[in-house]
Amino acid sequence: MKAKCIIVEGPQGCGKTHLVNYLRENIPAANLYRLSGQKDKSEKGKIKSKKMYYALLNYMKEIEDSDINLVFDRLFFSEEVYCKLEYKDYSFDDVYKELLEMLGNLSYDIYYISLYLKDTSVYEIRLKRNHHNYQNFSLENSVNQQNTYKSLIQDIRKLKNTKIYEIATDNFDEAYKKINKIFKIINK
């Protein structure tokens, strides 16, 4: 049986932290990776991001036979979303396509989980937090991010060994039930 690579993506305020913590606690032999993009929004930031993600995917390749399940709170998909929304001064499309190919060539069972809110007004409540962040948290930004993540799913469908799940997180109990079904988690 192959190890799992679980990638959880979604806009600010959708509940990624809750879901990835739950996965880490309930998937055996799982390492959790919480990623942040480069603060540098210039062309130099693109070079730094490319270097970081290439190193990460090469690391994943090195350990793919270790039976360690990987849980990612964001991966390079967020970089692509932020660039498409022009939060950064560069395009990431070329690097994104290379990274997609690298990911698709790994020997993991890949689970891409795209989180969203049906009722986008919930973002306003969830975004009322104090954060150190380089991107403004706002309802408008989260809705734009949600729509852009949804547009990436067509690219992800082309990857082999990849299952895609879109999960609404308006109600965390319902989201956990879906996660339990996907990963056959039995709560005691």
C-alpha atoms as a PDB file:
ATOM      1  CA  MET A   1       0.000   0.000   0.000  1.00  0.00           C
ATOM      2  CA  LYS A   2       1.317   3.416  -0.961  1.00  0.00           C
ATOM      3  CA  ALA A   3       1.720   6.224   1.516  1.00  0.00           C
ATOM      4  CA  LYS A   4      -0.790   9.047   1.310  1.00  0.00           C
ATOM      5  CA  CYS A   5      -0.022  12.617   0.348  1.00  0.00           C
ATOM      6  CA  ILE A   6      -2.928  14.718   1.584  1.00  0.00           C
ATOM      7  CA  ILE A   7      -3.012  18.319   0.388  1.00  0.00           C
ATOM      8  CA  VAL A   8      -5.528  20.637   2.014  1.00  0.00           C
ATOM      9  CA  GLU A   9      -6.056  23.940   0.240  1.00  0.00           C
ATOM     10  CA  GLY A  10      -8.561  26.724   0.508  1.00  0.00           C
ATOM     11  CA  PRO A  11      -8.982  30.417   1.163  1.00  0.00           C
ATOM     12  CA  GLN A  12      -8.194  32.244   4.347  1.00  0.00           C
ATOM     13  CA  GLY A  13     -10.873  31.495   6.924  1.00  0.00           C
ATOM     14  CA  CYS A  14     -12.174  28.254   5.421  1.00  0.00           C
ATOM     15  CA  GLY A  15     -10.966  26.033   8.279  1.00  0.00           C
ATOM     16  CA  LYS A  16      -7.748  24.472   6.974  1.00  0.00           C
ATOM     17  CA  THR A  17      -6.115  24.481  10.398  1.00  0.00           C
ATOM     18  CA  HIS A  18      -9.020  22.562  11.964  1.00  0.00           C
ATOM     19  CA  LEU A  19      -9.068  19.962   9.202  1.00  0.00           C
ATOM     20  CA  VAL A  20      -5.320  19.366   8.949  1.00  0.00           C
ATOM     21  CA  ASN A  21      -5.007  19.059  12.739  1.00  0.00           C
ATOM     22  CA  TYR A  22      -7.809  16.494  12.662  1.00  0.00           C
ATOM     23  CA  LEU A  23      -6.113  14.559   9.845  1.00  0.00           C
ATOM     24  CA  ARG A  24      -2.755  14.591  11.629  1.00  0.00           C
ATOM     25  CA  GLU A  25      -4.361  13.206  14.777  1.00  0.00           C
ATOM     26  CA  ASN A  26      -6.362  10.501  12.979  1.00  0.00           C
ATOM     27  CA  ILE A  27      -4.164   9.265  10.109  1.00  0.00           C
ATOM     28  CA  PRO A  28      -1.508   6.786  11.297  1.00  0.00           C
ATOM     29  CA  ALA A  29       2.156   7.656  10.722  1.00  0.00           C
ATOM     30  CA  ALA A  30       1.329  11.135   9.424  1.00  0.00           C
ATOM     31  CA  ASN A  31       3.651  14.107   9.296  1.00  0.00           C
ATOM     32  CA  LEU A  32       2.015  17.523   9.142  1.00  0.00           C
ATOM     33  CA  TYR A  33       3.595  20.298   7.078  1.00  0.00           C
ATOM     34  CA  ARG A  34       2.245  23.841   7.465  1.00  0.00           C
ATOM     35  CA  LEU A  35       3.521  25.983   4.659  1.00  0.00           C
ATOM     36  CA  SER A  36       3.647  29.675   4.135  1.00  0.00           C
ATOM     37  CA  GLY A  37       4.454  31.428   0.901  1.00  0.00           C
ATOM     38  CA  GLN A  38       7.331  33.827   0.457  1.00  0.00           C
ATOM     39  CA  LYS A  39       6.780  37.255   1.929  1.00  0.00           C
ATOM     40  CA  ASP A  40       8.776  38.726  -0.961  1.00  0.00           C
ATOM     41  CA  LYS A  41       6.245  39.627  -3.670  1.00  0.00           C
ATOM     42  CA  SER A  42       8.871  40.644  -6.240  1.00  0.00           C
ATOM     43  CA  GLU A  43      10.448  38.550  -8.988  1.00  0.00           C
ATOM     44  CA  LYS A  44      13.049  37.481  -6.391  1.00  0.00           C
ATOM     45  CA  GLY A  45      10.167  35.989  -4.408  1.00  0.00           C
ATOM     46  CA  LYS A  46       9.327  33.789  -7.374  1.00  0.00           C
ATOM     47  CA  ILE A  47      12.894  32.456  -7.428  1.00  0.00           C
ATOM     48  CA  LYS A  48      12.745  31.787  -3.674  1.00  0.00           C
ATOM     49  CA  SER A  49       9.374  30.037  -3.999  1.00  0.00           C
ATOM     50  CA  LYS A  50      10.566  27.896  -6.893  1.00  0.00           C
ATOM     51  CA  LYS A  51      13.644  26.847  -4.934  1.00  0.00           C
ATOM     52  CA  MET A  52      11.565  26.036  -1.840  1.00  0.00           C
ATOM     53  CA  TYR A  53       8.963  23.956  -3.685  1.00  0.00           C
ATOM     54  CA  TYR A  54      11.507  22.085  -5.798  1.00  0.00           C
ATOM     55  CA  ALA A  55      13.402  21.165  -2.621  1.00  0.00           C
ATOM     56  CA  LEU A  56      10.159  20.070  -0.964  1.00  0.00           C
ATOM     57  CA  LEU A  57       9.056  17.866  -3.856  1.00  0.00           C
ATOM     58  CA  ASN A  58      12.541  16.343  -4.104  1.00  0.00           C
ATOM     59  CA  TYR A  59      12.356  15.607  -0.355  1.00  0.00           C
ATOM     60  CA  MET A  60       8.951  13.982  -0.900  1.00  0.00           C
ATOM     61  CA  LYS A  61      10.487  11.850  -3.650  1.00  0.00           C
ATOM     62  CA  GLU A  62      13.310  10.781  -1.320  1.00  0.00           C
ATOM     63  CA  ILE A  63      10.924   9.545   1.383  1.00  0.00           C
ATOM     64  CA  GLU A  64       8.121   8.124  -0.771  1.00  0.00           C
ATOM     65  CA  ASP A  65       9.007   4.536   0.217  1.00  0.00           C
ATOM     66  CA  SER A  66       9.115   5.304   3.947  1.00  0.00           C
ATOM     67  CA  ASP A  67       5.414   4.552   4.607  1.00  0.00           C
ATOM     68  CA  ILE A  68       5.035   8.020   6.146  1.00  0.00           C
ATOM     69  CA  ASN A  69       1.777   9.738   5.258  1.00  0.00           C
ATOM     70  CA  LEU A  70       2.149  13.429   4.446  1.00  0.00           C
ATOM     71  CA  VAL A  71      -0.460  16.036   5.354  1.00  0.00           C
ATOM     72  CA  PHE A  72       0.010  19.503   3.869  1.00  0.00           C
ATOM     73  CA  ASP A  73      -1.660  22.655   5.104  1.00  0.00           C
ATOM     74  CA  ARG A  74      -1.164  24.381   1.730  1.00  0.00           C
ATOM     75  CA  LEU A  75       1.301  23.496  -0.992  1.00  0.00           C
ATOM     76  CA  PHE A  76       2.354  25.286  -4.168  1.00  0.00           C
ATOM     77  CA  PHE A  77      -1.283  25.665  -5.232  1.00  0.00           C
ATOM     78  CA  SER A  78      -1.611  28.641  -2.898  1.00  0.00           C
ATOM     79  CA  GLU A  79       1.312  30.350  -4.606  1.00  0.00           C
ATOM     80  CA  GLU A  80      -0.451  29.925  -7.947  1.00  0.00           C
ATOM     81  CA  VAL A  81      -3.712  31.293  -6.523  1.00  0.00           C
ATOM     82  CA  TYR A  82      -2.019  34.332  -5.001  1.00  0.00           C
ATOM     83  CA  CYS A  83      -0.218  35.077  -8.261  1.00  0.00           C
ATOM     84  CA  LYS A  84      -3.375  34.652 -10.359  1.00  0.00           C
ATOM     85  CA  LEU A  85      -5.090  37.154  -8.054  1.00  0.00           C
ATOM     86  CA  GLU A  86      -2.157  39.537  -8.533  1.00  0.00           C
ATOM     87  CA  TYR A  87      -1.212  39.620  -4.861  1.00  0.00           C
ATOM     88  CA  LYS A  88       2.321  39.179  -6.187  1.00  0.00           C
ATOM     89  CA  ASP A  89       4.233  40.999  -8.918  1.00  0.00           C
ATOM     90  CA  TYR A  90       4.933  37.906 -11.011  1.00  0.00           C
ATOM     91  CA  SER A  91       3.275  34.995 -12.749  1.00  0.00           C
ATOM     92  CA  PHE A  92       3.853  31.542 -11.283  1.00  0.00           C
ATOM     93  CA  ASP A  93       2.219  29.612 -14.161  1.00  0.00           C
ATOM     94  CA  ASP A  94       5.436  28.146 -15.596  1.00  0.00           C
ATOM     95  CA  VAL A  95       6.739  26.929 -12.228  1.00  0.00           C
ATOM     96  CA  TYR A  96       3.270  25.720 -11.219  1.00  0.00           C
ATOM     97  CA  LYS A  97       3.076  23.474 -14.308  1.00  0.00           C
ATOM     98  CA  GLU A  98       6.518  22.005 -13.560  1.00  0.00           C
ATOM     99  CA  LEU A  99       5.579  21.373  -9.932  1.00  0.00           C
ATOM    100  CA  LEU A 100       2.297  19.725 -10.972  1.00  0.00           C
ATOM    101  CA  GLU A 101       4.259  17.345 -13.177  1.00  0.00           C
ATOM    102  CA  MET A 102       6.708  16.582 -10.362  1.00  0.00           C
ATOM    103  CA  LEU A 103       3.824  15.916  -7.958  1.00  0.00           C
ATOM    104  CA  GLY A 104       2.116  13.653 -10.479  1.00  0.00           C
ATOM    105  CA  ASN A 105       5.281  11.564 -10.828  1.00  0.00           C
ATOM    106  CA  LEU A 106       5.513  10.783  -7.114  1.00  0.00           C
ATOM    107  CA  SER A 107       4.493   7.341  -5.862  1.00  0.00           C
ATOM    108  CA  TYR A 108       1.888   8.429  -3.340  1.00  0.00           C
ATOM    109  CA  ASP A 109      -1.851   8.108  -3.285  1.00  0.00           C
ATOM    110  CA  ILE A 110      -2.573  11.813  -3.581  1.00  0.00           C
ATOM    111  CA  TYR A 111      -5.646  13.352  -2.001  1.00  0.00           C
ATOM    112  CA  TYR A 112      -6.363  16.951  -2.913  1.00  0.00           C
ATOM    113  CA  ILE A 113      -8.924  18.461  -0.563  1.00  0.00           C
ATOM    114  CA  SER A 114     -10.319  21.823  -1.580  1.00  0.00           C
ATOM    115  CA  LEU A 115     -12.166  23.546   1.241  1.00  0.00           C
ATOM    116  CA  TYR A 116     -14.806  26.197   0.700  1.00  0.00           C
ATOM    117  CA  LEU A 117     -17.798  27.830   2.317  1.00  0.00           C
ATOM    118  CA  LYS A 118     -21.290  27.614   0.849  1.00  0.00           C
ATOM    119  CA  ASP A 119     -22.280  30.694   2.834  1.00  0.00           C
ATOM    120  CA  THR A 120     -19.400  33.053   2.105  1.00  0.00           C
ATOM    121  CA  SER A 121     -20.604  35.525   4.755  1.00  0.00           C
ATOM    122  CA  VAL A 122     -19.118  33.098   7.325  1.00  0.00           C
ATOM    123  CA  TYR A 123     -15.669  34.307   6.213  1.00  0.00           C
ATOM    124  CA  GLU A 124     -16.360  37.642   7.917  1.00  0.00           C
ATOM    125  CA  ILE A 125     -16.802  35.897  11.254  1.00  0.00           C
ATOM    126  CA  ARG A 126     -13.827  33.567  10.849  1.00  0.00           C
ATOM    127  CA  LEU A 127     -11.447  36.268   9.649  1.00  0.00           C
ATOM    128  CA  LYS A 128     -11.825  38.361  12.803  1.00  0.00           C
ATOM    129  CA  ARG A 129      -8.525  37.180  14.267  1.00  0.00           C
ATOM    130  CA  ASN A 130      -5.140  38.649  15.001  1.00  0.00           C
ATOM    131  CA  HIS A 131      -2.545  37.236  12.627  1.00  0.00           C
ATOM    132  CA  HIS A 132       0.915  38.011  11.446  1.00  0.00           C
ATOM    133  CA  ASN A 133       0.258  37.929   7.747  1.00  0.00           C
ATOM    134  CA  TYR A 134       1.485  39.483   4.559  1.00  0.00           C
ATOM    135  CA  GLN A 135      -1.856  39.218   2.775  1.00  0.00           C
ATOM    136  CA  ASN A 136      -4.903  41.120   3.984  1.00  0.00           C
ATOM    137  CA  PHE A 137      -7.680  38.992   5.384  1.00  0.00           C
ATOM    138  CA  SER A 138     -11.056  40.069   4.024  1.00  0.00           C
ATOM    139  CA  LEU A 139     -14.321  38.618   2.829  1.00  0.00           C
ATOM    140  CA  GLU A 140     -13.617  39.765  -0.729  1.00  0.00           C
ATOM    141  CA  ASN A 141     -10.126  38.214  -0.758  1.00  0.00           C
ATOM    142  CA  SER A 142     -11.403  34.899   0.605  1.00  0.00           C
ATOM    143  CA  VAL A 143     -14.233  34.702  -1.935  1.00  0.00           C
ATOM    144  CA  ASN A 144     -11.814  35.494  -4.780  1.00  0.00           C
ATOM    145  CA  GLN A 145      -9.420  32.856  -3.467  1.00  0.00           C
ATOM    146  CA  GLN A 146     -12.241  30.303  -3.188  1.00  0.00           C
ATOM    147  CA  ASN A 147     -13.168  30.844  -6.836  1.00  0.00           C
ATOM    148  CA  THR A 148      -9.546  30.629  -7.984  1.00  0.00           C
ATOM    149  CA  TYR A 149      -8.876  27.399  -6.053  1.00  0.00           C
ATOM    150  CA  LYS A 150     -11.951  25.935  -7.741  1.00  0.00           C
ATOM    151  CA  SER A 151     -10.495  26.834 -11.155  1.00  0.00           C
ATOM    152  CA  LEU A 152      -7.292  24.854 -10.409  1.00  0.00           C
ATOM    153  CA  ILE A 153      -9.149  21.574  -9.996  1.00  0.00           C
ATOM    154  CA  GLN A 154      -9.117  20.948 -13.763  1.00  0.00           C
ATOM    155  CA  ASP A 155      -5.288  20.916 -13.668  1.00  0.00           C
ATOM    156  CA  ILE A 156      -5.221  18.585 -10.681  1.00  0.00           C
ATOM    157  CA  ARG A 157      -7.600  16.106 -12.337  1.00  0.00           C
ATOM    158  CA  LYS A 158      -4.826  15.338 -14.855  1.00  0.00           C
ATOM    159  CA  LEU A 159      -2.515  13.931 -12.167  1.00  0.00           C
ATOM    160  CA  LYS A 160      -2.300  10.171 -11.800  1.00  0.00           C
ATOM    161  CA  ASN A 161      -3.011   8.585  -8.417  1.00  0.00           C
ATOM    162  CA  THR A 162      -5.001  11.674  -7.398  1.00  0.00           C
ATOM    163  CA  LYS A 163      -8.405  11.889  -5.795  1.00  0.00           C
ATOM    164  CA  ILE A 164     -10.071  15.283  -5.499  1.00  0.00           C
ATOM    165  CA  TYR A 165     -12.568  16.208  -2.823  1.00  0.00           C
ATOM    166  CA  GLU A 166     -14.361  19.525  -2.445  1.00  0.00           C
ATOM    167  CA  ILE A 167     -15.596  19.899   1.114  1.00  0.00           C
ATOM    168  CA  ALA A 168     -17.748  22.666   2.508  1.00  0.00           C
ATOM    169  CA  THR A 169     -16.654  23.689   5.989  1.00  0.00           C
ATOM    170  CA  ASP A 170     -19.630  25.813   7.016  1.00  0.00           C
ATOM    171  CA  ASN A 171     -20.337  23.028   9.532  1.00  0.00           C
ATOM    172  CA  PHE A 172     -17.187  21.356  10.858  1.00  0.00           C
ATOM    173  CA  ASP A 173     -19.041  18.267  12.124  1.00  0.00           C
ATOM    174  CA  GLU A 174     -20.308  17.596   8.601  1.00  0.00           C
ATOM    175  CA  ALA A 175     -16.822  18.199   7.169  1.00  0.00           C
ATOM    176  CA  TYR A 176     -15.301  15.747   9.689  1.00  0.00           C
ATOM    177  CA  LYS A 177     -17.889  13.120   8.686  1.00  0.00           C
ATOM    178  CA  LYS A 178     -16.792  13.465   5.059  1.00  0.00           C
ATOM    179  CA  ILE A 179     -13.122  13.240   6.055  1.00  0.00           C
ATOM    180  CA  ASN A 180     -13.873  10.129   8.145  1.00  0.00           C
ATOM    181  CA  LYS A 181     -15.560   8.486   5.163  1.00  0.00           C
ATOM    182  CA  ILE A 182     -12.730   9.338   2.739  1.00  0.00           C
ATOM    183  CA  PHE A 183      -9.971   8.049   5.008  1.00  0.00           C
ATOM    184  CA  LYS A 184     -11.982   5.360   6.814  1.00  0.00           C
ATOM    185  CA  ILE A 185     -11.452   6.999  10.189  1.00  0.00           C
ATOM    186  CA  ILE A 186     -13.389   5.368  12.989  1.00  0.00           C
ATOM    187  CA  ASN A 187     -13.943   7.604  16.008  1.00  0.00           C
ATOM    188  CA  LYS A 188     -14.265   5.836  19.310  1.00  0.00           C
END
